[in-house]
Amino acid sequence: MTDTAVMVPHTRIHPETLLKLVEEFVTRDGTDYGDSEVPTPQKITQVMHLLQGGKAVVVFEPESGSATIVMADDPKIKTLTK
């Protein structure tokens, strides 16, 4: 994460855009869900619940124009602008 990254409330993102962001996030290489394979729709539901429950947040990096999802208790996000 860069110094210019900002948290974006998931409620401020159009639902269709948020769904596409979550889909992209759960299908990225390196996303680990443990020993067993979890179907993509189930992964999407899990991440949406994390966002809705405040346990995960959307982070946007203006320099790269990219967004990601980070656990809310990640120390790296403590310094980000909301």
Protein backbone atom coordinates (compact mmCIF):
# COMPACT_ATOMS: atom_id res chain seq x y z
CA MET A 1 0.00 0.00 0.00
CA THR A 2 1.24 3.45 -0.87
CA ASP A 3 1.09 6.59 1.26
CA THR A 4 -1.65 7.96 -0.98
CA ALA A 5 -3.98 4.97 -0.57
CA VAL A 6 -7.41 5.72 0.88
CA MET A 7 -10.16 3.61 2.38
CA VAL A 8 -13.43 3.72 0.47
CA PRO A 9 -16.62 2.74 2.30
CA HIS A 10 -18.07 -0.23 0.44
CA THR A 11 -21.49 1.43 0.73
CA ARG A 12 -20.25 4.27 -1.50
CA ILE A 13 -19.41 1.87 -4.34
CA HIS A 14 -22.14 1.02 -6.84
CA PRO A 15 -23.32 -2.55 -6.03
CA GLU A 16 -22.42 -3.90 -9.48
CA THR A 17 -18.94 -2.36 -9.28
CA LEU A 18 -18.44 -3.72 -5.77
CA LEU A 19 -19.45 -7.20 -6.92
CA LYS A 20 -16.92 -7.04 -9.78
CA LEU A 21 -14.22 -5.87 -7.36
CA VAL A 22 -14.97 -8.75 -4.98
CA GLU A 23 -15.04 -11.25 -7.88
CA GLU A 24 -11.66 -10.02 -9.07
CA PHE A 25 -10.27 -10.14 -5.54
CA VAL A 26 -11.32 -13.74 -4.82
CA THR A 27 -10.00 -15.02 -8.15
CA ARG A 28 -6.55 -13.41 -7.88
CA ASP A 29 -3.52 -15.70 -7.93
CA GLY A 30 -2.31 -16.33 -4.41
CA THR A 31 -5.69 -16.02 -2.69
CA ASP A 32 -5.62 -18.82 -0.12
CA TYR A 33 -8.72 -20.34 1.43
CA GLY A 34 -7.02 -23.24 3.20
CA ASP A 35 -6.72 -26.91 2.41
CA SER A 36 -10.03 -27.37 0.62
CA GLU A 37 -11.27 -25.76 -2.57
CA VAL A 38 -14.01 -23.18 -2.00
CA PRO A 39 -16.35 -22.38 -4.92
CA THR A 40 -16.06 -18.81 -6.22
CA PRO A 41 -19.69 -17.85 -5.37
CA GLN A 42 -19.06 -18.93 -1.77
CA LYS A 43 -15.84 -16.89 -1.64
CA ILE A 44 -17.73 -13.85 -2.93
CA THR A 45 -20.41 -14.27 -0.26
CA GLN A 46 -17.77 -14.60 2.45
CA VAL A 47 -15.97 -11.41 1.38
CA MET A 48 -19.23 -9.48 1.05
CA HIS A 49 -20.12 -10.50 4.62
CA LEU A 50 -16.70 -9.34 5.82
CA LEU A 51 -17.23 -5.96 4.14
CA GLN A 52 -20.77 -5.58 5.47
CA GLY A 53 -19.64 -6.54 8.98
CA GLY A 54 -16.77 -4.06 8.97
CA LYS A 55 -14.16 -6.81 9.18
CA ALA A 56 -12.73 -5.94 5.76
CA VAL A 57 -12.35 -2.64 3.91
CA VAL A 58 -11.84 -1.46 0.34
CA VAL A 59 -8.56 0.37 -0.26
CA PHE A 60 -8.02 2.48 -3.39
CA GLU A 61 -4.57 3.48 -4.60
CA PRO A 62 -4.86 6.59 -6.81
CA GLU A 63 -1.34 6.25 -8.23
CA SER A 64 -2.09 2.89 -9.83
CA GLY A 65 -5.86 3.32 -10.13
CA SER A 66 -6.33 -0.02 -8.41
CA ALA A 67 -8.43 -1.18 -5.50
CA THR A 68 -8.12 -4.11 -3.15
CA ILE A 69 -9.79 -5.54 -0.08
CA VAL A 70 -7.91 -5.67 3.20
CA MET A 71 -8.83 -7.00 6.62
CA ALA A 72 -9.88 -4.11 8.85
CA ASP A 73 -7.43 -5.10 11.58
CA ASP A 74 -4.42 -4.99 9.24
CA PRO A 75 -1.92 -2.57 10.82
CA LYS A 76 -1.09 -1.11 7.39
CA ILE A 77 -4.49 0.56 7.12
CA LYS A 78 -4.26 2.42 10.42
CA THR A 79 -2.53 5.33 8.65
CA LEU A 80 -4.89 5.56 5.68
CA THR A 81 -7.34 8.38 5.06
CA LYS A 82 -10.99 7.46 5.35
